[in-house]
Amino acid sequence: VATGKRMTDTLKPVWDEFAANWLPDGSGFFYTRMRDV
């Protein structure tokens, strides 16, 4: 948010309505991933 820059973390494949659920300390998040087709 401070820089407005995209970080290196890119996770896929995901269904685009399933959002990241952040850990309280911001060190990471839970997320839902699709299986590789």
Full PDB file with SEQRES, HELIX, SHEET, SSBOND, CRYST1, ORIGX, SCALE, CONECT and MASTER records, all heavy atoms in Angstrom:
SEQRES   1 A   37  VAL ALA THR GLY LYS ARG MET THR ASP THR LEU LYS PRO          
SEQRES   2 A   37  VAL TRP ASP GLU PHE ALA ALA ASN TRP LEU PRO ASP GLY          
SEQRES   3 A   37  SER GLY PHE PHE TYR THR ARG MET ARG ASP VAL                  
SHEET    1 AA1 2 ASN A  21  TRP A  22  0                                        
SHEET    2 AA1 2 PHE A  29  PHE A  30 -1                                        
CRYST1    1.000    1.000    1.000  90.00  90.00  90.00 P 1           1          
ORIGX1      1.000000  0.000000  0.000000        0.00000                         
ORIGX2      0.000000  1.000000  0.000000        0.00000                         
ORIGX3      0.000000  0.000000  1.000000        0.00000                         
SCALE1      1.000000  0.000000  0.000000        0.00000                         
SCALE2      0.000000  1.000000  0.000000        0.00000                         
SCALE3      0.000000  0.000000  1.000000        0.00000                         
ATOM      1  N   VAL A   1       0.822  -1.211   0.000  1.00  0.00           N  
ATOM      2  CA  VAL A   1       0.000   0.000   0.000  1.00  0.00           C  
ATOM      3  C   VAL A   1       0.856   1.261   0.000  1.00  0.00           C  
ATOM      4  O   VAL A   1       0.532   2.248  -0.669  1.00  0.00           O  
ATOM      5  CB  VAL A   1      -0.968  -0.007   1.206  1.00  0.00           C  
ATOM      6  CG1 VAL A   1      -1.734   1.312   1.306  1.00  0.00           C  
ATOM      7  CG2 VAL A   1      -1.944  -1.174   1.088  1.00  0.00           C  
ATOM      8  N   ALA A   2       1.954   1.261   0.716  1.00  0.00           N  
ATOM      9  CA  ALA A   2       2.788   2.463   0.815  1.00  0.00           C  
ATOM     10  C   ALA A   2       3.358   2.865  -0.541  1.00  0.00           C  
ATOM     11  O   ALA A   2       3.375   4.042  -0.904  1.00  0.00           O  
ATOM     12  CB  ALA A   2       3.910   2.236   1.826  1.00  0.00           C  
ATOM     13  N   THR A   3       3.832   1.888  -1.302  1.00  0.00           N  
ATOM     14  CA  THR A   3       4.486   2.190  -2.574  1.00  0.00           C  
ATOM     15  C   THR A   3       3.538   2.059  -3.763  1.00  0.00           C  
ATOM     16  O   THR A   3       3.829   2.587  -4.844  1.00  0.00           O  
ATOM     17  CB  THR A   3       5.674   1.238  -2.798  1.00  0.00           C  
ATOM     18  OG1 THR A   3       5.181  -0.109  -2.916  1.00  0.00           O  
ATOM     19  CG2 THR A   3       6.655   1.322  -1.638  1.00  0.00           C  
ATOM     20  N   GLY A   4       2.420   1.319  -3.576  1.00  0.00           N  
ATOM     21  CA  GLY A   4       1.530   1.053  -4.692  1.00  0.00           C  
ATOM     22  C   GLY A   4       2.105   0.061  -5.680  1.00  0.00           C  
ATOM     23  O   GLY A   4       1.597  -0.081  -6.799  1.00  0.00           O  
ATOM     24  N   LYS A   5       3.141  -0.654  -5.273  1.00  0.00           N  
ATOM     25  CA  LYS A   5       3.808  -1.600  -6.163  1.00  0.00           C  
ATOM     26  C   LYS A   5       3.343  -3.030  -5.874  1.00  0.00           C  
ATOM     27  O   LYS A   5       3.072  -3.395  -4.732  1.00  0.00           O  
ATOM     28  CB  LYS A   5       5.327  -1.525  -5.971  1.00  0.00           C  
ATOM     29  CG  LYS A   5       5.942  -0.176  -6.287  1.00  0.00           C  
ATOM     30  CD  LYS A   5       5.943   0.085  -7.780  1.00  0.00           C  
ATOM     31  CE  LYS A   5       6.599   1.423  -8.120  1.00  0.00           C  
ATOM     32  NZ  LYS A   5       8.021   1.447  -7.766  1.00  0.00           N  
ATOM     33  N   ARG A   6       3.285  -3.802  -6.935  1.00  0.00           N  
ATOM     34  CA  ARG A   6       2.956  -5.215  -6.799  1.00  0.00           C  
ATOM     35  C   ARG A   6       4.159  -5.974  -6.255  1.00  0.00           C  
ATOM     36  O   ARG A   6       5.299  -5.782  -6.710  1.00  0.00           O  
ATOM     37  CB  ARG A   6       2.533  -5.787  -8.144  1.00  0.00           C  
ATOM     38  CG  ARG A   6       2.121  -7.245  -8.107  1.00  0.00           C  
ATOM     39  CD  ARG A   6       1.445  -7.669  -9.407  1.00  0.00           C  
ATOM     40  NE  ARG A   6       1.148  -9.095  -9.410  1.00  0.00           N  
ATOM     41  CZ  ARG A   6       0.412  -9.704 -10.332  1.00  0.00           C  
ATOM     42  NH1 ARG A   6      -0.102  -8.999 -11.335  1.00  0.00           N  
ATOM     43  NH2 ARG A   6       0.187 -11.002 -10.270  1.00  0.00           N  
ATOM     44  N   MET A   7       3.919  -6.828  -5.271  1.00  0.00           N  
ATOM     45  CA  MET A   7       4.981  -7.630  -4.683  1.00  0.00           C  
ATOM     46  C   MET A   7       5.193  -8.887  -5.520  1.00  0.00           C  
ATOM     47  O   MET A   7       4.477  -9.146  -6.482  1.00  0.00           O  
ATOM     48  CB  MET A   7       4.623  -7.967  -3.232  1.00  0.00           C  
ATOM     49  CG  MET A   7       4.459  -6.718  -2.363  1.00  0.00           C  
ATOM     50  SD  MET A   7       3.835  -7.041  -0.686  1.00  0.00           S  
ATOM     51  CE  MET A   7       5.172  -8.020  -0.002  1.00  0.00           C  
ATOM     52  N   THR A   8       6.196  -9.667  -5.156  1.00  0.00           N  
ATOM     53  CA  THR A   8       6.548 -10.834  -5.964  1.00  0.00           C  
ATOM     54  C   THR A   8       5.568 -11.991  -5.787  1.00  0.00           C  
ATOM     55  O   THR A   8       5.499 -12.879  -6.636  1.00  0.00           O  
ATOM     56  CB  THR A   8       7.957 -11.326  -5.613  1.00  0.00           C  
ATOM     57  OG1 THR A   8       8.013 -11.629  -4.212  1.00  0.00           O  
ATOM     58  CG2 THR A   8       8.997 -10.259  -5.952  1.00  0.00           C  
ATOM     59  N   ASP A   9       4.791 -11.983  -4.706  1.00  0.00           N  
ATOM     60  CA  ASP A   9       3.874 -13.087  -4.437  1.00  0.00           C  
ATOM     61  C   ASP A   9       2.759 -13.130  -5.488  1.00  0.00           C  
ATOM     62  O   ASP A   9       1.972 -12.183  -5.601  1.00  0.00           O  
ATOM     63  CB  ASP A   9       3.260 -12.934  -3.051  1.00  0.00           C  
ATOM     64  CG  ASP A   9       4.308 -12.805  -1.963  1.00  0.00           C  
ATOM     65  OD1 ASP A   9       4.913 -11.717  -1.862  1.00  0.00           O  
ATOM     66  OD2 ASP A   9       4.505 -13.780  -1.232  1.00  0.00           O  
ATOM     67  N   THR A  10       2.685 -14.225  -6.233  1.00  0.00           N  
ATOM     68  CA  THR A  10       1.604 -14.455  -7.187  1.00  0.00           C  
ATOM     69  C   THR A  10       1.196 -15.915  -7.077  1.00  0.00           C  
ATOM     70  O   THR A  10       2.030 -16.807  -7.278  1.00  0.00           O  
ATOM     71  CB  THR A  10       2.040 -14.151  -8.628  1.00  0.00           C  
ATOM     72  OG1 THR A  10       2.400 -12.769  -8.734  1.00  0.00           O  
ATOM     73  CG2 THR A  10       0.916 -14.429  -9.608  1.00  0.00           C  
ATOM     74  N   LEU A  11      -0.067 -16.150  -6.758  1.00  0.00           N  
ATOM     75  CA  LEU A  11      -0.551 -17.501  -6.507  1.00  0.00           C  
ATOM     76  C   LEU A  11      -1.636 -17.855  -7.519  1.00  0.00           C  
ATOM     77  O   LEU A  11      -2.530 -17.051  -7.779  1.00  0.00           O  
ATOM     78  CB  LEU A  11      -1.099 -17.599  -5.082  1.00  0.00           C  
ATOM     79  CG  LEU A  11      -0.148 -17.060  -3.997  1.00  0.00           C  
ATOM     80  CD1 LEU A  11      -0.840 -17.032  -2.651  1.00  0.00           C  
ATOM     81  CD2 LEU A  11       1.112 -17.902  -3.939  1.00  0.00           C  
ATOM     82  N   LYS A  12      -1.573 -19.070  -8.043  1.00  0.00           N  
ATOM     83  CA  LYS A  12      -2.547 -19.489  -9.049  1.00  0.00           C  
ATOM     84  C   LYS A  12      -2.536 -21.012  -9.189  1.00  0.00           C  
ATOM     85  O   LYS A  12      -1.554 -21.650  -8.789  1.00  0.00           O  
ATOM     86  CB  LYS A  12      -2.271 -18.809 -10.388  1.00  0.00           C  
ATOM     87  CG  LYS A  12      -0.853 -19.007 -10.932  1.00  0.00           C  
ATOM     88  CD  LYS A  12      -0.635 -18.145 -12.161  1.00  0.00           C  
ATOM     89  CE  LYS A  12       0.784 -18.250 -12.679  1.00  0.00           C  
ATOM     90  NZ  LYS A  12       1.024 -17.378 -13.841  1.00  0.00           N  
ATOM     91  N   PRO A  13      -3.638 -21.553  -9.724  1.00  0.00           N  
ATOM     92  CA  PRO A  13      -4.861 -20.884 -10.191  1.00  0.00           C  
ATOM     93  C   PRO A  13      -5.842 -20.653  -9.037  1.00  0.00           C  
ATOM     94  O   PRO A  13      -5.930 -21.466  -8.117  1.00  0.00           O  
ATOM     95  CB  PRO A  13      -5.441 -21.881 -11.192  1.00  0.00           C  
ATOM     96  CG  PRO A  13      -5.014 -23.226 -10.658  1.00  0.00           C  
ATOM     97  CD  PRO A  13      -3.665 -23.003 -10.034  1.00  0.00           C  
ATOM     98  N   VAL A  14      -6.541 -19.535  -9.106  1.00  0.00           N  
ATOM     99  CA  VAL A  14      -7.577 -19.231  -8.116  1.00  0.00           C  
ATOM    100  C   VAL A  14      -8.840 -18.793  -8.853  1.00  0.00           C  
ATOM    101  O   VAL A  14      -8.782 -18.269  -9.963  1.00  0.00           O  
ATOM    102  CB  VAL A  14      -7.145 -18.125  -7.130  1.00  0.00           C  
ATOM    103  CG1 VAL A  14      -5.927 -18.553  -6.332  1.00  0.00           C  
ATOM    104  CG2 VAL A  14      -6.883 -16.807  -7.847  1.00  0.00           C  
ATOM    105  N   TRP A  15      -9.990 -19.025  -8.220  1.00  0.00           N  
ATOM    106  CA  TRP A  15     -11.259 -18.489  -8.704  1.00  0.00           C  
ATOM    107  C   TRP A  15     -11.337 -17.066  -8.185  1.00  0.00           C  
ATOM    108  O   TRP A  15     -11.132 -16.820  -7.003  1.00  0.00           O  
ATOM    109  CB  TRP A  15     -12.409 -19.337  -8.177  1.00  0.00           C  
ATOM    110  CG  TRP A  15     -13.747 -19.000  -8.748  1.00  0.00           C  
ATOM    111  CD1 TRP A  15     -14.730 -18.292  -8.134  1.00  0.00           C  
ATOM    112  CD2 TRP A  15     -14.263 -19.379 -10.018  1.00  0.00           C  
ATOM    113  NE1 TRP A  15     -15.835 -18.196  -8.957  1.00  0.00           N  
ATOM    114  CE2 TRP A  15     -15.567 -18.854 -10.122  1.00  0.00           C  
ATOM    115  CE3 TRP A  15     -13.736 -20.106 -11.093  1.00  0.00           C  
ATOM    116  CZ2 TRP A  15     -16.364 -19.037 -11.251  1.00  0.00           C  
ATOM    117  CZ3 TRP A  15     -14.531 -20.284 -12.219  1.00  0.00           C  
ATOM    118  CH2 TRP A  15     -15.832 -19.758 -12.286  1.00  0.00           C  
ATOM    119  N   ASP A  16     -11.640 -16.106  -9.058  1.00  0.00           N  
ATOM    120  CA  ASP A  16     -11.386 -14.718  -8.692  1.00  0.00           C  
ATOM    121  C   ASP A  16     -12.335 -14.136  -7.646  1.00  0.00           C  
ATOM    122  O   ASP A  16     -12.176 -12.980  -7.251  1.00  0.00           O  
ATOM    123  CB  ASP A  16     -11.340 -13.822  -9.930  1.00  0.00           C  
ATOM    124  CG  ASP A  16     -12.699 -13.589 -10.580  1.00  0.00           C  
ATOM    125  OD1 ASP A  16     -13.699 -14.170 -10.108  1.00  0.00           O  
ATOM    126  OD2 ASP A  16     -12.760 -12.824 -11.558  1.00  0.00           O  
ATOM    127  N   GLU A  17     -13.309 -14.907  -7.142  1.00  0.00           N  
ATOM    128  CA  GLU A  17     -14.143 -14.385  -6.068  1.00  0.00           C  
ATOM    129  C   GLU A  17     -13.640 -14.808  -4.694  1.00  0.00           C  
ATOM    130  O   GLU A  17     -14.147 -14.338  -3.681  1.00  0.00           O  
ATOM    131  CB  GLU A  17     -15.590 -14.846  -6.243  1.00  0.00           C  
ATOM    132  CG  GLU A  17     -15.820 -16.310  -6.021  1.00  0.00           C  
ATOM    133  CD  GLU A  17     -17.269 -16.714  -6.235  1.00  0.00           C  
ATOM    134  OE1 GLU A  17     -17.922 -16.134  -7.120  1.00  0.00           O  
ATOM    135  OE2 GLU A  17     -17.742 -17.596  -5.519  1.00  0.00           O  
ATOM    136  N   PHE A  18     -12.634 -15.696  -4.648  1.00  0.00           N  
ATOM    137  CA  PHE A  18     -12.115 -16.163  -3.362  1.00  0.00           C  
ATOM    138  C   PHE A  18     -10.934 -15.289  -2.954  1.00  0.00           C  
ATOM    139  O   PHE A  18      -9.877 -15.317  -3.585  1.00  0.00           O  
ATOM    140  CB  PHE A  18     -11.700 -17.625  -3.441  1.00  0.00           C  
ATOM    141  CG  PHE A  18     -12.865 -18.563  -3.550  1.00  0.00           C  
ATOM    142  CD1 PHE A  18     -13.202 -19.138  -4.758  1.00  0.00           C  
ATOM    143  CD2 PHE A  18     -13.642 -18.851  -2.440  1.00  0.00           C  
ATOM    144  CE1 PHE A  18     -14.281 -19.995  -4.868  1.00  0.00           C  
ATOM    145  CE2 PHE A  18     -14.723 -19.703  -2.540  1.00  0.00           C  
ATOM    146  CZ  PHE A  18     -15.048 -20.274  -3.751  1.00  0.00           C  
ATOM    147  N   ALA A  19     -11.123 -14.536  -1.879  1.00  0.00           N  
ATOM    148  CA  ALA A  19     -10.140 -13.552  -1.458  1.00  0.00           C  
ATOM    149  C   ALA A  19      -9.136 -14.146  -0.472  1.00  0.00           C  
ATOM    150  O   ALA A  19      -9.376 -15.187   0.140  1.00  0.00           O  
ATOM    151  CB  ALA A  19     -10.845 -12.359  -0.807  1.00  0.00           C  
ATOM    152  N   ALA A  20      -8.018 -13.456  -0.309  1.00  0.00           N  
ATOM    153  CA  ALA A  20      -7.049 -13.806   0.729  1.00  0.00           C  
ATOM    154  C   ALA A  20      -7.633 -13.461   2.094  1.00  0.00           C  
ATOM    155  O   ALA A  20      -8.314 -12.445   2.243  1.00  0.00           O  
ATOM    156  CB  ALA A  20      -5.750 -13.037   0.504  1.00  0.00           C  
ATOM    157  N   ASN A  21      -7.383 -14.284   3.101  1.00  0.00           N  
ATOM    158  CA  ASN A  21      -7.783 -14.016   4.485  1.00  0.00           C  
ATOM    159  C   ASN A  21      -6.514 -13.849   5.313  1.00  0.00           C  
ATOM    160  O   ASN A  21      -5.812 -14.831   5.612  1.00  0.00           O  
ATOM    161  CB  ASN A  21      -8.645 -15.164   5.027  1.00  0.00           C  
ATOM    162  CG  ASN A  21     -10.034 -15.165   4.426  1.00  0.00           C  
ATOM    163  OD1 ASN A  21     -10.839 -14.291   4.699  1.00  0.00           O  
ATOM    164  ND2 ASN A  21     -10.321 -16.140   3.570  1.00  0.00           N  
ATOM    165  N   TRP A  22      -6.234 -12.598   5.693  1.00  0.00           N  
ATOM    166  CA  TRP A  22      -4.935 -12.235   6.251  1.00  0.00           C  
ATOM    167  C   TRP A  22      -4.740 -12.746   7.678  1.00  0.00           C  
ATOM    168  O   TRP A  22      -5.677 -12.793   8.475  1.00  0.00           O  
ATOM    169  CB  TRP A  22      -4.769 -10.718   6.234  1.00  0.00           C  
ATOM    170  CG  TRP A  22      -4.545 -10.182   4.850  1.00  0.00           C  
ATOM    171  CD1 TRP A  22      -5.493  -9.769   3.965  1.00  0.00           C  
ATOM    172  CD2 TRP A  22      -3.287 -10.034   4.199  1.00  0.00           C  
ATOM    173  NE1 TRP A  22      -4.906  -9.368   2.793  1.00  0.00           N  
ATOM    174  CE2 TRP A  22      -3.553  -9.513   2.901  1.00  0.00           C  
ATOM    175  CE3 TRP A  22      -1.966 -10.281   4.574  1.00  0.00           C  
ATOM    176  CZ2 TRP A  22      -2.536  -9.243   1.992  1.00  0.00           C  
ATOM    177  CZ3 TRP A  22      -0.957 -10.004   3.662  1.00  0.00           C  
ATOM    178  CH2 TRP A  22      -1.238  -9.494   2.379  1.00  0.00           C  
ATOM    179  N   LEU A  23      -3.480 -13.092   7.983  1.00  0.00           N  
ATOM    180  CA  LEU A  23      -3.096 -13.387   9.357  1.00  0.00           C  
ATOM    181  C   LEU A  23      -3.020 -12.080  10.141  1.00  0.00           C  
ATOM    182  O   LEU A  23      -2.746 -11.014   9.564  1.00  0.00           O  
ATOM    183  CB  LEU A  23      -1.737 -14.090   9.393  1.00  0.00           C  
ATOM    184  CG  LEU A  23      -1.635 -15.418   8.634  1.00  0.00           C  
ATOM    185  CD1 LEU A  23      -0.223 -15.977   8.743  1.00  0.00           C  
ATOM    186  CD2 LEU A  23      -2.652 -16.413   9.152  1.00  0.00           C  
ATOM    187  N   PRO A  24      -3.235 -12.124  11.465  1.00  0.00           N  
ATOM    188  CA  PRO A  24      -3.249 -10.880  12.254  1.00  0.00           C  
ATOM    189  C   PRO A  24      -1.973 -10.050  12.139  1.00  0.00           C  
ATOM    190  O   PRO A  24      -2.030  -8.816  12.177  1.00  0.00           O  
ATOM    191  CB  PRO A  24      -3.456 -11.389  13.685  1.00  0.00           C  
ATOM    192  CG  PRO A  24      -4.176 -12.688  13.520  1.00  0.00           C  
ATOM    193  CD  PRO A  24      -3.627 -13.288  12.275  1.00  0.00           C  
ATOM    194  N   ASP A  25      -0.823 -10.697  11.991  1.00  0.00           N  
ATOM    195  CA  ASP A  25       0.432  -9.943  11.927  1.00  0.00           C  
ATOM    196  C   ASP A  25       0.810  -9.534  10.507  1.00  0.00           C  
ATOM    197  O   ASP A  25       1.847  -8.900  10.282  1.00  0.00           O  
ATOM    198  CB  ASP A  25       1.572 -10.738  12.562  1.00  0.00           C  
ATOM    199  CG  ASP A  25       1.860 -12.060  11.834  1.00  0.00           C  
ATOM    200  OD1 ASP A  25       1.187 -12.346  10.820  1.00  0.00           O  
ATOM    201  OD2 ASP A  25       2.758 -12.802  12.280  1.00  0.00           O  
ATOM    202  N   GLY A  26      -0.020  -9.892   9.532  1.00  0.00           N  
ATOM    203  CA  GLY A  26       0.242  -9.492   8.151  1.00  0.00           C  
ATOM    204  C   GLY A  26       1.363 -10.254   7.475  1.00  0.00           C  
ATOM    205  O   GLY A  26       1.788  -9.883   6.382  1.00  0.00           O  
ATOM    206  N   SER A  27       1.845 -11.328   8.097  1.00  0.00           N  
ATOM    207  CA  SER A  27       2.968 -12.078   7.537  1.00  0.00           C  
ATOM    208  C   SER A  27       2.553 -13.009   6.398  1.00  0.00           C  
ATOM    209  O   SER A  27       3.399 -13.557   5.699  1.00  0.00           O  
ATOM    210  CB  SER A  27       3.650 -12.902   8.635  1.00  0.00           C  
ATOM    211  OG  SER A  27       2.756 -13.881   9.155  1.00  0.00           O  
ATOM    212  N   GLY A  28       1.261 -13.168   6.240  1.00  0.00           N  
ATOM    213  CA  GLY A  28       0.766 -14.059   5.203  1.00  0.00           C  
ATOM    214  C   GLY A  28      -0.747 -14.131   5.259  1.00  0.00           C  
ATOM    215  O   GLY A  28      -1.397 -13.316   5.932  1.00  0.00           O  
ATOM    216  N   PHE A  29      -1.302 -15.119   4.595  1.00  0.00           N  
ATOM    217  CA  PHE A  29      -2.762 -15.222   4.549  1.00  0.00           C  
ATOM    218  C   PHE A  29      -3.173 -16.641   4.188  1.00  0.00           C  
ATOM    219  O   PHE A  29      -2.399 -17.429   3.624  1.00  0.00           O  
ATOM    220  CB  PHE A  29      -3.346 -14.232   3.535  1.00  0.00           C  
ATOM    221  CG  PHE A  29      -2.668 -14.237   2.182  1.00  0.00           C  
ATOM    222  CD1 PHE A  29      -2.956 -15.225   1.238  1.00  0.00           C  
ATOM    223  CD2 PHE A  29      -1.745 -13.254   1.854  1.00  0.00           C  
ATOM    224  CE1 PHE A  29      -2.345 -15.227   0.005  1.00  0.00           C  
ATOM    225  CE2 PHE A  29      -1.119 -13.253   0.620  1.00  0.00           C  
ATOM    226  CZ  PHE A  29      -1.421 -14.241  -0.316  1.00  0.00           C  
ATOM    227  N   PHE A  30      -4.409 -16.954   4.528  1.00  0.00           N  
ATOM    228  CA  PHE A  30      -5.052 -18.167   4.051  1.00  0.00           C  
ATOM    229  C   PHE A  30      -5.691 -17.848   2.692  1.00  0.00           C  
ATOM    230  O   PHE A  30      -6.156 -16.731   2.469  1.00  0.00           O  
ATOM    231  CB  PHE A  30      -6.143 -18.632   5.016  1.00  0.00           C  
ATOM    232  CG  PHE A  30      -5.662 -18.877   6.422  1.00  0.00           C  
ATOM    233  CD1 PHE A  30      -6.075 -18.051   7.466  1.00  0.00           C  
ATOM    234  CD2 PHE A  30      -4.822 -19.934   6.716  1.00  0.00           C  
ATOM    235  CE1 PHE A  30      -5.652 -18.273   8.762  1.00  0.00           C  
ATOM    236  CE2 PHE A  30      -4.391 -20.173   8.012  1.00  0.00           C  
ATOM    237  CZ  PHE A  30      -4.814 -19.339   9.042  1.00  0.00           C  
ATOM    238  N   TYR A  31      -5.739 -18.832   1.808  1.00  0.00           N  
ATOM    239  CA  TYR A  31      -6.422 -18.617   0.538  1.00  0.00           C  
ATOM    240  C   TYR A  31      -6.910 -19.957  -0.010  1.00  0.00           C  
ATOM    241  O   TYR A  31      -6.476 -21.029   0.430  1.00  0.00           O  
ATOM    242  CB  TYR A  31      -5.519 -17.911  -0.474  1.00  0.00           C  
ATOM    243  CG  TYR A  31      -4.400 -18.760  -1.055  1.00  0.00           C  
ATOM    244  CD1 TYR A  31      -4.483 -19.269  -2.354  1.00  0.00           C  
ATOM    245  CD2 TYR A  31      -3.259 -19.049  -0.316  1.00  0.00           C  
ATOM    246  CE1 TYR A  31      -3.463 -20.043  -2.896  1.00  0.00           C  
ATOM    247  CE2 TYR A  31      -2.229 -19.814  -0.842  1.00  0.00           C  
ATOM    248  CZ  TYR A  31      -2.333 -20.315  -2.131  1.00  0.00           C  
ATOM    249  OH  TYR A  31      -1.326 -21.085  -2.663  1.00  0.00           O  
ATOM    250  N   THR A  32      -7.831 -19.889  -0.969  1.00  0.00           N  
ATOM    251  CA  THR A  32      -8.387 -21.083  -1.599  1.00  0.00           C  
ATOM    252  C   THR A  32      -7.847 -21.193  -3.015  1.00  0.00           C  
ATOM    253  O   THR A  32      -7.921 -20.241  -3.789  1.00  0.00           O  
ATOM    254  CB  THR A  32      -9.923 -21.024  -1.619  1.00  0.00           C  
ATOM    255  OG1 THR A  32     -10.400 -20.974  -0.266  1.00  0.00           O  
ATOM    256  CG2 THR A  32     -10.518 -22.244  -2.312  1.00  0.00           C  
ATOM    257  N   ARG A  33      -7.304 -22.359  -3.324  1.00  0.00           N  
ATOM    258  CA  ARG A  33      -6.680 -22.572  -4.625  1.00  0.00           C  
ATOM    259  C   ARG A  33      -7.431 -23.665  -5.392  1.00  0.00           C  
ATOM    260  O   ARG A  33      -7.884 -24.654  -4.812  1.00  0.00           O  
ATOM    261  CB  ARG A  33      -5.218 -22.995  -4.450  1.00  0.00           C  
ATOM    262  CG  ARG A  33      -4.425 -23.068  -5.766  1.00  0.00           C  
ATOM    263  CD  ARG A  33      -3.158 -23.896  -5.636  1.00  0.00           C  
ATOM    264  NE  ARG A  33      -2.272 -23.460  -4.568  1.00  0.00           N  
ATOM    265  CZ  ARG A  33      -1.199 -24.149  -4.188  1.00  0.00           C  
ATOM    266  NH1 ARG A  33      -0.897 -25.306  -4.761  1.00  0.00           N  
ATOM    267  NH2 ARG A  33      -0.436 -23.696  -3.212  1.00  0.00           N  
ATOM    268  N   MET A  34      -7.543 -23.471  -6.692  1.00  0.00           N  
ATOM    269  CA  MET A  34      -8.083 -24.507  -7.561  1.00  0.00           C  
ATOM    270  C   MET A  34      -6.995 -25.534  -7.852  1.00  0.00           C  
ATOM    271  O   MET A  34      -5.805 -25.232  -7.774  1.00  0.00           O  
ATOM    272  CB  MET A  34      -8.581 -23.901  -8.870  1.00  0.00           C  
ATOM    273  CG  MET A  34      -9.623 -22.810  -8.702  1.00  0.00           C  
ATOM    274  SD  MET A  34     -10.120 -22.071 -10.268  1.00  0.00           S  
ATOM    275  CE  MET A  34     -11.029 -23.421 -11.000  1.00  0.00           C  
ATOM    276  N   ARG A  35      -7.415 -26.720  -8.219  1.00  0.00           N  
ATOM    277  CA  ARG A  35      -6.423 -27.713  -8.642  1.00  0.00           C  
ATOM    278  C   ARG A  35      -5.977 -27.386 -10.060  1.00  0.00           C  
ATOM    279  O   ARG A  35      -6.688 -26.733 -10.835  1.00  0.00           O  
ATOM    280  CB  ARG A  35      -6.997 -29.121  -8.563  1.00  0.00           C  
ATOM    281  CG  ARG A  35      -8.226 -29.361  -9.407  1.00  0.00           C  
ATOM    282  CD  ARG A  35      -8.815 -30.734  -9.119  1.00  0.00           C  
ATOM    283  NE  ARG A  35     -10.096 -30.921  -9.797  1.00  0.00           N  
ATOM    284  CZ  ARG A  35     -10.222 -31.333 -11.039  1.00  0.00           C  
ATOM    285  NH1 ARG A  35      -9.141 -31.623 -11.744  1.00  0.00           N  
ATOM    286  NH2 ARG A  35     -11.415 -31.476 -11.596  1.00  0.00           N  
ATOM    287  N   ASP A  36      -4.780 -27.803 -10.393  1.00  0.00           N  
ATOM    288  CA  ASP A  36      -4.281 -27.596 -11.746  1.00  0.00           C  
ATOM    289  C   ASP A  36      -5.124 -28.406 -12.720  1.00  0.00           C  
ATOM    290  O   ASP A  36      -5.363 -29.601 -12.521  1.00  0.00           O  
ATOM    291  CB  ASP A  36      -2.816 -28.019 -11.847  1.00  0.00           C  
ATOM    292  CG  ASP A  36      -1.896 -27.100 -11.047  1.00  0.00           C  
ATOM    293  OD1 ASP A  36      -2.179 -25.888 -11.003  1.00  0.00           O  
ATOM    294  OD2 ASP A  36      -0.919 -27.601 -10.466  1.00  0.00           O  
ATOM    295  N   VAL A  37      -5.598 -27.744 -13.749  1.00  0.00           N  
ATOM    296  CA  VAL A  37      -6.462 -28.394 -14.730  1.00  0.00           C  
ATOM    297  C   VAL A  37      -5.620 -29.275 -15.652  1.00  0.00           C  
ATOM    298  O   VAL A  37      -4.606 -28.841 -16.196  1.00  0.00           O  
ATOM    299  CB  VAL A  37      -7.238 -27.345 -15.548  1.00  0.00           C  
ATOM    300  CG1 VAL A  37      -8.101 -28.018 -16.594  1.00  0.00           C  
ATOM    301  CG2 VAL A  37      -8.085 -26.491 -14.627  1.00  0.00           C  
TER     302      VAL A  37                                                      
MASTER        0    0    0    0    2    0    0    6  301    1    0    3          
END                                                                             
